[in-house]
Amino acid sequence: MCFKVECKQCGKFSWNGCGRHVASVYGSIDEGKHCMCKSWPGISATSKTPQPSKQRGNSSCKLADAAKN
């Protein structure tokens, strides 16, 4: 399962997890708040149609919701 994380480098939101739910995470983030420090498999500037991916998460990100609790 993929989930939203906050990037330690830019402070915007990225994803972590299995890579199969990246499109759902991308869609849950407001426009302009997407981290571009790491790729979004299946998401491109011209097409936001999800494609299968096996890329893993990035350790430079932390759980976004954990910081709120």
Foldseek 3Di string as FASTA:
>chain_A
DKEWWAAPVPRAIAIFDQLACLLVRVVVGDPPRYDPPDDRAQCDPVDSGRDDDRDGDDPRTGHPVVVVD
